[in-house]
C-alpha cells in the first residue's frame, strides 16, 4: 500500500475515534448511559475504536481540562485589568510630558 493510503486510513481512524469520544461526552452530559451511545459510535465505521474504558490519552486530557477549568480570574477580568493598566501608564506618560514641557519651555 502507498504511504498516502496508509495516512488517509490513519486519519480516518483518528476522526472516527474523535466522533466516538464526542458521542460518549454528549451521552454523559445528557445523563444517558454511555453504553447507549455505543451504537452511535459504532455506526461511524467498522474500524472505529469504541472502547468504553478511558485510554491514557483520555485521562491525560481530562486532567489538563480540569487543571484549567477553574482558574481564579476570568478572561474578562484580565482584559479589564490590562485596560486599566494601559490607561494608567498612558496618563502617567502624559503627566510626565506636561511636567517636562512646563520645566523646559522658555520663560519670558
PDB file of N, CA and C in Angstrom:
ATOM      1  N   UNK A   1       0.842  -1.178   0.000  1.00  0.00           N
ATOM      2  CA  UNK A   1       0.000   0.000   0.000  1.00  0.00           C
ATOM      3  C   UNK A   1       0.888   1.242   0.000  1.00  0.00           C
ATOM      4  N   UNK A   2       0.342   2.276  -0.569  1.00  0.00           N
ATOM      5  CA  UNK A   2       1.099   3.518  -0.632  1.00  0.00           C
ATOM      6  C   UNK A   2       1.060   4.233   0.717  1.00  0.00           C
ATOM      7  N   UNK A   3       2.015   5.116   0.888  1.00  0.00           N
ATOM      8  CA  UNK A   3       2.064   5.901   2.128  1.00  0.00           C
ATOM      9  C   UNK A   3       0.841   6.792   2.257  1.00  0.00           C
ATOM     10  N   UNK A   4       0.389   7.317   1.133  1.00  0.00           N
ATOM     11  CA  UNK A   4      -0.787   8.197   1.161  1.00  0.00           C
ATOM     12  C   UNK A   4      -2.015   7.435   1.639  1.00  0.00           C
ATOM     13  N   UNK A   5      -2.199   6.215   1.132  1.00  0.00           N
ATOM     14  CA  UNK A   5      -3.346   5.409   1.542  1.00  0.00           C
ATOM     15  C   UNK A   5      -3.275   5.089   3.039  1.00  0.00           C
ATOM     16  N   UNK A   6      -2.092   4.738   3.518  1.00  0.00           N
ATOM     17  CA  UNK A   6      -1.930   4.465   4.952  1.00  0.00           C
ATOM     18  C   UNK A   6      -2.234   5.705   5.772  1.00  0.00           C
ATOM     19  N   UNK A   7      -1.763   6.858   5.310  1.00  0.00           N
ATOM     20  CA  UNK A   7      -2.018   8.105   6.050  1.00  0.00           C
ATOM     21  C   UNK A   7      -3.506   8.436   6.051  1.00  0.00           C
ATOM     22  N   UNK A   8      -4.170   8.246   4.919  1.00  0.00           N
ATOM     23  CA  UNK A   8      -5.607   8.510   4.854  1.00  0.00           C
ATOM     24  C   UNK A   8      -6.379   7.584   5.791  1.00  0.00           C
ATOM     25  N   UNK A   9      -6.010   6.332   5.838  1.00  0.00           N
ATOM     26  CA  UNK A   9      -6.683   5.396   6.735  1.00  0.00           C
ATOM     27  C   UNK A   9      -6.426   5.760   8.193  1.00  0.00           C
ATOM     28  N   UNK A  10      -5.209   6.180   8.493  1.00  0.00           N
ATOM     29  CA  UNK A  10      -4.887   6.581   9.865  1.00  0.00           C
ATOM     30  C   UNK A  10      -5.703   7.810  10.254  1.00  0.00           C
ATOM     31  N   UNK A  11      -5.802   8.778   9.342  1.00  0.00           N
ATOM     32  CA  UNK A  11      -6.582   9.984   9.617  1.00  0.00           C
ATOM     33  C   UNK A  11      -8.059   9.653   9.803  1.00  0.00           C
ATOM     34  N   UNK A  12      -8.574   8.729   8.985  1.00  0.00           N
ATOM     35  CA  UNK A  12      -9.972   8.318   9.126  1.00  0.00           C
ATOM     36  C   UNK A  12     -10.214   7.660  10.480  1.00  0.00           C
ATOM     37  N   UNK A  13      -9.281   6.802  10.901  1.00  0.00           N
ATOM     38  CA  UNK A  13      -9.421   6.135  12.196  1.00  0.00           C
ATOM     39  C   UNK A  13      -9.386   7.158  13.324  1.00  0.00           C
ATOM     40  N   UNK A  14      -8.508   8.160  13.219  1.00  0.00           N
ATOM     41  CA  UNK A  14      -8.459   9.207  14.242  1.00  0.00           C
ATOM     42  C   UNK A  14      -9.757  10.001  14.287  1.00  0.00           C
ATOM     43  N   UNK A  15     -10.313  10.310  13.111  1.00  0.00           N
ATOM     44  CA  UNK A  15     -11.574  11.053  13.071  1.00  0.00           C
ATOM     45  C   UNK A  15     -12.708  10.226  13.667  1.00  0.00           C
ATOM     46  N   UNK A  16     -12.712   8.927  13.406  1.00  0.00           N
ATOM     47  CA  UNK A  16     -13.742   8.067  13.970  1.00  0.00           C
ATOM     48  C   UNK A  16     -13.609   7.957  15.479  1.00  0.00           C
ATOM     49  N   UNK A  17     -12.373   7.908  15.975  1.00  0.00           N
ATOM     50  CA  UNK A  17     -12.174   7.896  17.423  1.00  0.00           C
ATOM     51  C   UNK A  17     -12.673   9.194  18.045  1.00  0.00           C
ATOM     52  N   UNK A  18     -12.421  10.304  17.363  1.00  0.00           N
ATOM     53  CA  UNK A  18     -12.876  11.591  17.891  1.00  0.00           C
ATOM     54  C   UNK A  18     -14.402  11.652  17.907  1.00  0.00           C
ATOM     55  N   UNK A  19     -15.046  11.157  16.857  1.00  0.00           N
ATOM     56  CA  UNK A  19     -16.508  11.128  16.828  1.00  0.00           C
ATOM     57  C   UNK A  19     -17.058  10.242  17.942  1.00  0.00           C
ATOM     58  N   UNK A  20     -16.402   9.114  18.190  1.00  0.00           N
ATOM     59  CA  UNK A  20     -16.848   8.243  19.267  1.00  0.00           C
ATOM     60  C   UNK A  20     -16.710   8.946  20.615  1.00  0.00           C
ATOM     61  N   UNK A  21     -15.626   9.701  20.779  1.00  0.00           N
ATOM     62  CA  UNK A  21     -15.439  10.453  22.025  1.00  0.00           C
ATOM     63  C   UNK A  21     -16.525  11.514  22.174  1.00  0.00           C
ATOM     64  N   UNK A  22     -16.846  12.225  21.067  1.00  0.00           N
ATOM     65  CA  UNK A  22     -17.921  13.217  21.112  1.00  0.00           C
ATOM     66  C   UNK A  22     -19.235  12.568  21.522  1.00  0.00           C
ATOM     67  N   UNK A  23     -19.549  11.423  20.936  1.00  0.00           N
ATOM     68  CA  UNK A  23     -20.784  10.721  21.289  1.00  0.00           C
ATOM     69  C   UNK A  23     -20.801  10.344  22.761  1.00  0.00           C
ATOM     70  N   UNK A  24     -19.666   9.875  23.270  1.00  0.00           N
ATOM     71  CA  UNK A  24     -19.572   9.492  24.672  1.00  0.00           C
ATOM     72  C   UNK A  24     -19.781  10.703  25.577  1.00  0.00           C
ATOM     73  N   UNK A  25     -19.145  11.825  25.246  1.00  0.00           N
ATOM     74  CA  UNK A  25     -19.267  13.031  26.067  1.00  0.00           C
ATOM     75  C   UNK A  25     -20.680  13.610  26.006  1.00  0.00           C
ATOM     76  N   UNK A  26     -21.297  13.575  24.836  1.00  0.00           N
ATOM     77  CA  UNK A  26     -22.666  14.063  24.703  1.00  0.00           C
ATOM     78  C   UNK A  26     -23.605  13.206  25.547  1.00  0.00           C
ATOM     79  N   UNK A  27     -23.406  11.901  25.483  1.00  0.00           N
ATOM     80  CA  UNK A  27     -24.240  10.996  26.280  1.00  0.00           C
ATOM     81  C   UNK A  27     -24.039  11.252  27.764  1.00  0.00           C
ATOM     82  N   UNK A  28     -22.805  11.512  28.166  1.00  0.00           N
ATOM     83  CA  UNK A  28     -22.526  11.780  29.577  1.00  0.00           C
ATOM     84  C   UNK A  28     -23.199  13.072  30.030  1.00  0.00           C
ATOM     85  N   UNK A  29     -23.156  14.114  29.196  1.00  0.00           N
ATOM     86  CA  UNK A  29     -23.774  15.393  29.550  1.00  0.00           C
ATOM     87  C   UNK A  29     -25.296  15.297  29.569  1.00  0.00           C
ATOM     88  N   UNK A  30     -25.860  14.459  28.712  1.00  0.00           N
ATOM     89  CA  UNK A  30     -27.307  14.295  28.679  1.00  0.00           C
ATOM     90  C   UNK A  30     -27.791  13.357  29.778  1.00  0.00           C
ATOM     91  N   UNK A  31     -26.871  12.711  30.460  1.00  0.00           N
ATOM     92  CA  UNK A  31     -27.248  11.793  31.515  1.00  0.00           C
ATOM     93  C   UNK A  31     -27.660  10.435  30.993  1.00  0.00           C
ATOM     94  N   UNK A  32     -27.346  10.156  29.752  1.00  0.00           N
ATOM     95  CA  UNK A  32     -27.674   8.872  29.141  1.00  0.00           C
ATOM     96  C   UNK A  32     -26.550   7.899  29.462  1.00  0.00           C
ATOM     97  N   UNK A  33     -26.889   6.624  29.628  1.00  0.00           N
ATOM     98  CA  UNK A  33     -25.879   5.604  29.874  1.00  0.00           C
ATOM     99  C   UNK A  33     -24.900   5.592  28.703  1.00  0.00           C
ATOM    100  N   UNK A  34     -23.614   5.524  29.005  1.00  0.00           N
ATOM    101  CA  UNK A  34     -22.578   5.570  27.968  1.00  0.00           C
ATOM    102  C   UNK A  34     -22.696   4.394  27.007  1.00  0.00           C
ATOM    103  N   UNK A  35     -23.216   3.259  27.470  1.00  0.00           N
ATOM    104  CA  UNK A  35     -23.361   2.109  26.581  1.00  0.00           C
ATOM    105  C   UNK A  35     -24.463   2.345  25.547  1.00  0.00           C
ATOM    106  N   UNK A  36     -25.409   3.260  25.857  1.00  0.00           N
ATOM    107  CA  UNK A  36     -26.444   3.578  24.877  1.00  0.00           C
ATOM    108  C   UNK A  36     -25.874   4.386  23.738  1.00  0.00           C
ATOM    109  N   UNK A  37     -24.782   5.102  23.980  1.00  0.00           N
ATOM    110  CA  UNK A  37     -24.155   5.891  22.927  1.00  0.00           C
ATOM    111  C   UNK A  37     -23.232   5.039  22.063  1.00  0.00           C
ATOM    112  N   UNK A  38     -22.920   3.832  22.510  1.00  0.00           N
ATOM    113  CA  UNK A  38     -22.003   2.970  21.768  1.00  0.00           C
ATOM    114  C   UNK A  38     -22.512   2.631  20.375  1.00  0.00           C
ATOM    115  N   UNK A  39     -23.821   2.319  20.168  1.00  0.00           N
ATOM    116  CA  UNK A  39     -24.258   2.026  18.804  1.00  0.00           C
ATOM    117  C   UNK A  39     -24.054   3.208  17.858  1.00  0.00           C
ATOM    118  N   UNK A  40     -24.220   4.422  18.350  1.00  0.00           N
ATOM    119  CA  UNK A  40     -23.972   5.579  17.508  1.00  0.00           C
ATOM    120  C   UNK A  40     -22.512   5.663  17.110  1.00  0.00           C
ATOM    121  N   UNK A  41     -21.636   5.385  18.036  1.00  0.00           N
ATOM    122  CA  UNK A  41     -20.210   5.443  17.744  1.00  0.00           C
ATOM    123  C   UNK A  41     -19.809   4.315  16.807  1.00  0.00           C
ATOM    124  N   UNK A  42     -20.431   3.135  16.945  1.00  0.00           N
ATOM    125  CA  UNK A  42     -20.089   2.020  16.084  1.00  0.00           C
ATOM    126  C   UNK A  42     -20.596   2.243  14.673  1.00  0.00           C
ATOM    127  N   UNK A  43     -21.594   3.074  14.510  1.00  0.00           N
ATOM    128  CA  UNK A  43     -22.106   3.358  13.179  1.00  0.00           C
ATOM    129  C   UNK A  43     -21.129   4.197  12.380  1.00  0.00           C
ATOM    130  N   UNK A  44     -20.134   4.762  13.036  1.00  0.00           N
ATOM    131  CA  UNK A  44     -19.156   5.591  12.340  1.00  0.00           C
ATOM    132  C   UNK A  44     -18.325   4.773  11.379  1.00  0.00           C
ATOM    133  N   UNK A  45     -18.137   3.497  11.629  1.00  0.00           N
ATOM    134  CA  UNK A  45     -17.388   2.664  10.702  1.00  0.00           C
ATOM    135  C   UNK A  45     -16.883   1.419  11.392  1.00  0.00           C
ATOM    136  N   UNK A  46     -16.494   0.431  10.612  1.00  0.00           N
ATOM    137  CA  UNK A  46     -16.067  -0.824  11.202  1.00  0.00           C
ATOM    138  C   UNK A  46     -14.719  -0.725  11.900  1.00  0.00           C
ATOM    139  N   UNK A  47     -13.872   0.239  11.524  1.00  0.00           N
ATOM    140  CA  UNK A  47     -12.551   0.310  12.143  1.00  0.00           C
ATOM    141  C   UNK A  47     -12.494   1.305  13.290  1.00  0.00           C
ATOM    142  N   UNK A  48     -13.653   1.826  13.682  1.00  0.00           N
ATOM    143  CA  UNK A  48     -13.664   2.790  14.786  1.00  0.00           C
ATOM    144  C   UNK A  48     -13.413   2.063  16.094  1.00  0.00           C
ATOM    145  N   UNK A  49     -12.523   2.622  16.884  1.00  0.00           N
ATOM    146  CA  UNK A  49     -12.278   2.022  18.199  1.00  0.00           C
ATOM    147  C   UNK A  49     -13.219   2.687  19.186  1.00  0.00           C
ATOM    148  N   UNK A  50     -14.186   1.907  19.686  1.00  0.00           N
ATOM    149  CA  UNK A  50     -15.218   2.483  20.550  1.00  0.00           C
ATOM    150  C   UNK A  50     -15.176   1.846  21.919  1.00  0.00           C
ATOM    151  N   UNK A  51     -14.000   1.701  22.464  1.00  0.00           N
ATOM    152  CA  UNK A  51     -13.909   1.134  23.798  1.00  0.00           C
ATOM    153  C   UNK A  51     -14.461   2.132  24.784  1.00  0.00           C
ATOM    154  N   UNK A  52     -15.140   1.627  25.799  1.00  0.00           N
ATOM    155  CA  UNK A  52     -15.740   2.488  26.807  1.00  0.00           C
ATOM    156  C   UNK A  52     -14.750   2.812  27.918  1.00  0.00           C
ATOM    157  N   UNK A  53     -13.655   2.073  28.006  1.00  0.00           N
ATOM    158  CA  UNK A  53     -12.642   2.351  29.010  1.00  0.00           C
ATOM    159  C   UNK A  53     -11.837   3.563  28.563  1.00  0.00           C
ATOM    160  N   UNK A  54     -11.630   4.519  29.451  1.00  0.00           N
ATOM    161  CA  UNK A  54     -10.832   5.680  29.063  1.00  0.00           C
ATOM    162  C   UNK A  54      -9.381   5.271  28.842  1.00  0.00           C
ATOM    163  N   UNK A  55      -8.806   5.782  27.779  1.00  0.00           N
ATOM    164  CA  UNK A  55      -7.418   5.481  27.483  1.00  0.00           C
ATOM    165  C   UNK A  55      -6.529   6.433  28.264  1.00  0.00           C
ATOM    166  N   UNK A  56      -5.244   6.191  28.179  1.00  0.00           N
ATOM    167  CA  UNK A  56      -4.277   7.048  28.872  1.00  0.00           C
ATOM    168  C   UNK A  56      -4.396   8.472  28.350  1.00  0.00           C
ATOM    169  N   UNK A  57      -4.575   8.627  27.038  1.00  0.00           N
ATOM    170  CA  UNK A  57      -4.708   9.961  26.463  1.00  0.00           C
ATOM    171  C   UNK A  57      -5.968  10.657  26.964  1.00  0.00           C
ATOM    172  N   UNK A  58      -7.061   9.911  27.110  1.00  0.00           N
ATOM    173  CA  UNK A  58      -8.296  10.499  27.639  1.00  0.00           C
ATOM    174  C   UNK A  58      -8.100  10.965  29.075  1.00  0.00           C
ATOM    175  N   UNK A  59      -7.424  10.159  29.855  1.00  0.00           N
ATOM    176  CA  UNK A  59      -7.187  10.527  31.249  1.00  0.00           C
ATOM    177  C   UNK A  59      -6.289  11.749  31.343  1.00  0.00           C
ATOM    178  N   UNK A  60      -5.263  11.813  30.495  1.00  0.00           N
ATOM    179  CA  UNK A  60      -4.387  12.980  30.489  1.00  0.00           C
ATOM    180  C   UNK A  60      -5.157  14.218  30.045  1.00  0.00           C
ATOM    181  N   UNK A  61      -5.997  14.055  29.043  1.00  0.00           N
ATOM    182  CA  UNK A  61      -6.788  15.189  28.558  1.00  0.00           C
ATOM    183  C   UNK A  61      -7.748  15.679  29.634  1.00  0.00           C
ATOM    184  N   UNK A  62      -8.369  14.743  30.350  1.00  0.00           N
ATOM    185  CA  UNK A  62      -9.281  15.136  31.432  1.00  0.00           C
ATOM    186  C   UNK A  62      -8.544  15.884  32.532  1.00  0.00           C
ATOM    187  N   UNK A  63      -7.328  15.425  32.865  1.00  0.00           N
ATOM    188  CA  UNK A  63      -6.540  16.117  33.890  1.00  0.00           C
ATOM    189  C   UNK A  63      -6.167  17.531  33.439  1.00  0.00           C
ATOM    190  N   UNK A  64      -5.795  17.688  32.189  1.00  0.00           N
ATOM    191  CA  UNK A  64      -5.429  19.013  31.676  1.00  0.00           C
ATOM    192  C   UNK A  64      -6.645  19.927  31.668  1.00  0.00           C
ATOM    193  N   UNK A  65      -7.783  19.407  31.248  1.00  0.00           N
ATOM    194  CA  UNK A  65      -9.002  20.214  31.230  1.00  0.00           C
ATOM    195  C   UNK A  65      -9.364  20.647  32.644  1.00  0.00           C
ATOM    196  N   UNK A  66      -9.290  19.749  33.603  1.00  0.00           N
ATOM    197  CA  UNK A  66      -9.600  20.096  34.991  1.00  0.00           C
ATOM    198  C   UNK A  66      -8.622  21.122  35.549  1.00  0.00           C
ATOM    199  N   UNK A  67      -7.374  21.028  35.121  1.00  0.00           N
ATOM    200  CA  UNK A  67      -6.365  21.964  35.610  1.00  0.00           C
ATOM    201  C   UNK A  67      -6.705  23.397  35.212  1.00  0.00           C
ATOM    202  N   UNK A  68      -7.227  23.581  34.021  1.00  0.00           N
ATOM    203  CA  UNK A  68      -7.503  24.924  33.534  1.00  0.00           C
ATOM    204  C   UNK A  68      -8.968  25.325  33.640  1.00  0.00           C
ATOM    205  N   UNK A  69      -9.815  24.441  34.087  1.00  0.00           N
ATOM    206  CA  UNK A  69     -11.244  24.728  34.149  1.00  0.00           C
ATOM    207  C   UNK A  69     -11.571  25.771  35.205  1.00  0.00           C
ATOM    208  N   UNK A  70     -10.994  25.674  36.378  1.00  0.00           N
ATOM    209  CA  UNK A  70     -11.351  26.549  37.495  1.00  0.00           C
ATOM    210  C   UNK A  70     -10.225  27.519  37.804  1.00  0.00           C
ATOM    211  N   UNK A  71      -9.909  28.373  36.866  1.00  0.00           N
ATOM    212  CA  UNK A  71      -8.902  29.385  37.137  1.00  0.00           C
ATOM    213  C   UNK A  71      -9.552  30.505  37.923  1.00  0.00           C
ATOM    214  N   UNK A  72      -8.745  31.192  38.730  1.00  0.00           N
ATOM    215  CA  UNK A  72      -9.262  32.200  39.630  1.00  0.00           C
ATOM    216  C   UNK A  72      -9.925  33.373  38.921  1.00  0.00           C
ATOM    217  N   UNK A  73      -9.304  33.904  37.907  1.00  0.00           N
ATOM    218  CA  UNK A  73      -9.828  35.092  37.244  1.00  0.00           C
ATOM    219  C   UNK A  73     -10.381  34.732  35.874  1.00  0.00           C
ATOM    220  N   UNK A  74     -11.406  35.434  35.487  1.00  0.00           N
ATOM    221  CA  UNK A  74     -11.965  35.212  34.162  1.00  0.00           C
ATOM    222  C   UNK A  74     -11.186  36.027  33.150  1.00  0.00           C
ATOM    223  N   UNK A  75     -11.352  35.703  31.906  1.00  0.00           N
ATOM    224  CA  UNK A  75     -10.645  36.427  30.850  1.00  0.00           C
ATOM    225  C   UNK A  75     -11.128  37.872  30.781  1.00  0.00           C
ATOM    226  N   UNK A  76     -12.410  38.106  31.083  1.00  0.00           N
ATOM    227  CA  UNK A  76     -12.926  39.471  31.076  1.00  0.00           C
ATOM    228  C   UNK A  76     -12.249  40.307  32.159  1.00  0.00           C
ATOM    229  N   UNK A  77     -12.035  39.720  33.316  1.00  0.00           N
ATOM    230  CA  UNK A  77     -11.356  40.421  34.397  1.00  0.00           C
ATOM    231  C   UNK A  77      -9.919  40.754  34.042  1.00  0.00           C
ATOM    232  N   UNK A  78      -9.254  39.808  33.363  1.00  0.00           N
ATOM    233  CA  UNK A  78      -7.876  40.053  32.946  1.00  0.00           C
ATOM    234  C   UNK A  78      -7.803  41.173  31.914  1.00  0.00           C
ATOM    235  N   UNK A  79      -8.739  41.183  30.981  1.00  0.00           N
ATOM    236  CA  UNK A  79      -8.759  42.228  29.959  1.00  0.00           C
ATOM    237  C   UNK A  79      -9.037  43.581  30.597  1.00  0.00           C
ATOM    238  N   UNK A  80      -9.983  43.616  31.513  1.00  0.00           N
ATOM    239  CA  UNK A  80     -10.317  44.872  32.188  1.00  0.00           C
ATOM    240  C   UNK A  80      -9.107  45.406  32.963  1.00  0.00           C
ATOM    241  N   UNK A  81      -8.437  44.516  33.661  1.00  0.00           N
ATOM    242  CA  UNK A  81      -7.247  44.906  34.419  1.00  0.00           C
ATOM    243  C   UNK A  81      -6.173  45.448  33.478  1.00  0.00           C
ATOM    244  N   UNK A  82      -5.981  44.789  32.350  1.00  0.00           N
ATOM    245  CA  UNK A  82      -4.994  45.261  31.374  1.00  0.00           C
ATOM    246  C   UNK A  82      -5.342  46.625  30.819  1.00  0.00           C
ATOM    247  N   UNK A  83      -6.612  46.864  30.550  1.00  0.00           N
ATOM    248  CA  UNK A  83      -7.035  48.171  30.032  1.00  0.00           C
ATOM    249  C   UNK A  83      -6.765  49.272  31.057  1.00  0.00           C
ATOM    250  N   UNK A  84      -7.058  49.001  32.319  1.00  0.00           N
ATOM    251  CA  UNK A  84      -6.774  49.997  33.349  1.00  0.00           C
ATOM    252  C   UNK A  84      -5.273  50.250  33.492  1.00  0.00           C
ATOM    253  N   UNK A  85      -4.473  49.201  33.366  1.00  0.00           N
ATOM    254  CA  UNK A  85      -3.023  49.383  33.432  1.00  0.00           C
ATOM    255  C   UNK A  85      -2.524  50.240  32.275  1.00  0.00           C
ATOM    256  N   UNK A  86      -2.995  49.969  31.065  1.00  0.00           N
ATOM    257  CA  UNK A  86      -2.590  50.785  29.910  1.00  0.00           C
ATOM    258  C   UNK A  86      -3.064  52.229  30.062  1.00  0.00           C
ATOM    259  N   UNK A  87      -4.270  52.413  30.565  1.00  0.00           N
ATOM    260  CA  UNK A  87      -4.773  53.760  30.776  1.00  0.00           C
ATOM    261  C   UNK A  87      -3.912  54.501  31.794  1.00  0.00           C
ATOM    262  N   UNK A  88      -3.578  53.839  32.890  1.00  0.00           N
ATOM    263  CA  UNK A  88      -2.734  54.451  33.911  1.00  0.00           C
ATOM    264  C   UNK A  88      -1.357  54.799  33.375  1.00  0.00           C
ATOM    265  N   UNK A  89      -0.776  53.901  32.585  1.00  0.00           N
ATOM    266  CA  UNK A  89       0.542  54.161  32.012  1.00  0.00           C
ATOM    267  C   UNK A  89       0.483  55.335  31.036  1.00  0.00           C
ATOM    268  N   UNK A  90      -0.556  55.392  30.210  1.00  0.00           N
ATOM    269  CA  UNK A  90      -0.702  56.497  29.258  1.00  0.00           C
ATOM    270  C   UNK A  90      -0.907  57.817  29.997  1.00  0.00           C
ATOM    271  N   UNK A  91      -1.704  57.793  31.051  1.00  0.00           N
ATOM    272  CA  UNK A  91      -1.942  59.005  31.834  1.00  0.00           C
ATOM    273  C   UNK A  91      -0.652  59.465  32.507  1.00  0.00           C
ATOM    274  N   UNK A  92       0.140  58.540  33.031  1.00  0.00           N
ATOM    275  CA  UNK A  92       1.416  58.884  33.666  1.00  0.00           C
ATOM    276  C   UNK A  92       2.378  59.479  32.637  1.00  0.00           C
ATOM    277  N   UNK A  93       2.432  58.910  31.443  1.00  0.00           N
ATOM    278  CA  UNK A  93       3.285  59.461  30.387  1.00  0.00           C
ATOM    279  C   UNK A  93       2.830  60.859  29.989  1.00  0.00           C
ATOM    280  N   UNK A  94       1.537  61.081  29.890  1.00  0.00           N
ATOM    281  CA  UNK A  94       1.021  62.404  29.560  1.00  0.00           C
ATOM    282  C   UNK A  94       1.378  63.410  30.651  1.00  0.00           C
ATOM    283  N   UNK A  95       1.222  63.018  31.907  1.00  0.00           N
ATOM    284  CA  UNK A  95       1.566  63.903  33.019  1.00  0.00           C
ATOM    285  C   UNK A  95       3.057  64.222  33.003  1.00  0.00           C
ATOM    286  N   UNK A  96       3.899  63.211  32.749  1.00  0.00           N
ATOM    287  CA  UNK A  96       5.340  63.443  32.685  1.00  0.00           C
ATOM    288  C   UNK A  96       5.688  64.381  31.529  1.00  0.00           C
ATOM    289  N   UNK A  97       5.033  64.212  30.387  1.00  0.00           N
ATOM    290  CA  UNK A  97       5.295  65.091  29.243  1.00  0.00           C
ATOM    291  C   UNK A  97       4.883  66.522  29.564  1.00  0.00           C
ATOM    292  N   UNK A  98       3.762  66.704  30.234  1.00  0.00           N
ATOM    293  CA  UNK A  98       3.332  68.061  30.605  1.00  0.00           C
ATOM    294  C   UNK A  98       4.298  68.712  31.594  1.00  0.00           C
ATOM    295  N   UNK A  99       4.783  67.935  32.552  1.00  0.00           N
ATOM    296  CA  UNK A  99       5.749  68.469  33.515  1.00  0.00           C
ATOM    297  C   UNK A  99       7.035  68.855  32.804  1.00  0.00           C
ATOM    298  N   UNK A 100       7.520  67.992  31.917  1.00  0.00           N
ATOM    299  CA  UNK A 100       8.738  68.314  31.169  1.00  0.00           C
ATOM    300  C   UNK A 100       8.538  69.528  30.277  1.00  0.00           C
ATOM    301  N   UNK A 101       7.387  69.630  29.642  1.00  0.00           N
ATOM    302  CA  UNK A 101       7.095  70.787  28.804  1.00  0.00           C
ATOM    303  C   UNK A 101       7.099  72.061  29.640  1.00  0.00           C
ATOM    304  N   UNK A 102       6.511  72.032  30.808  1.00  0.00           N
ATOM    305  CA  UNK A 102       6.466  73.201  31.692  1.00  0.00           C
ATOM    306  C   UNK A 102       7.865  73.583  32.162  1.00  0.00           C
ATOM    307  N   UNK A 103       8.684  72.591  32.512  1.00  0.00           N
ATOM    308  CA  UNK A 103      10.010  72.866  33.035  1.00  0.00           C
ATOM    309  C   UNK A 103      10.982  73.378  31.970  1.00  0.00           C
ATOM    310  N   UNK A 104      10.869  72.890  30.751  1.00  0.00           N
ATOM    311  CA  UNK A 104      11.846  73.221  29.733  1.00  0.00           C
ATOM    312  C   UNK A 104      11.373  74.257  28.712  1.00  0.00           C
ATOM    313  N   UNK A 105      10.225  74.817  28.886  1.00  0.00           N
ATOM    314  CA  UNK A 105       9.813  75.867  27.951  1.00  0.00           C
ATOM    315  C   UNK A 105      10.490  77.172  28.361  1.00  0.00           C
ATOM    316  N   UNK A 106      10.722  78.010  27.388  1.00  0.00           N
ATOM    317  CA  UNK A 106      11.366  79.298  27.722  1.00  0.00           C
ATOM    318  C   UNK A 106      10.405  80.191  28.486  1.00  0.00           C
ATOM    319  N   UNK A 107      10.896  80.727  29.601  1.00  0.00           N
ATOM    320  CA  UNK A 107      10.091  81.628  30.416  1.00  0.00           C
ATOM    321  C   UNK A 107      10.400  83.060  30.003  1.00  0.00           C
ATOM    322  N   UNK A 108       9.402  83.863  29.786  1.00  0.00           N
ATOM    323  CA  UNK A 108       9.666  85.243  29.385  1.00  0.00           C
ATOM    324  C   UNK A 108       9.380  86.228  30.457  1.00  0.00           C
TER     325      UNK A 108
END
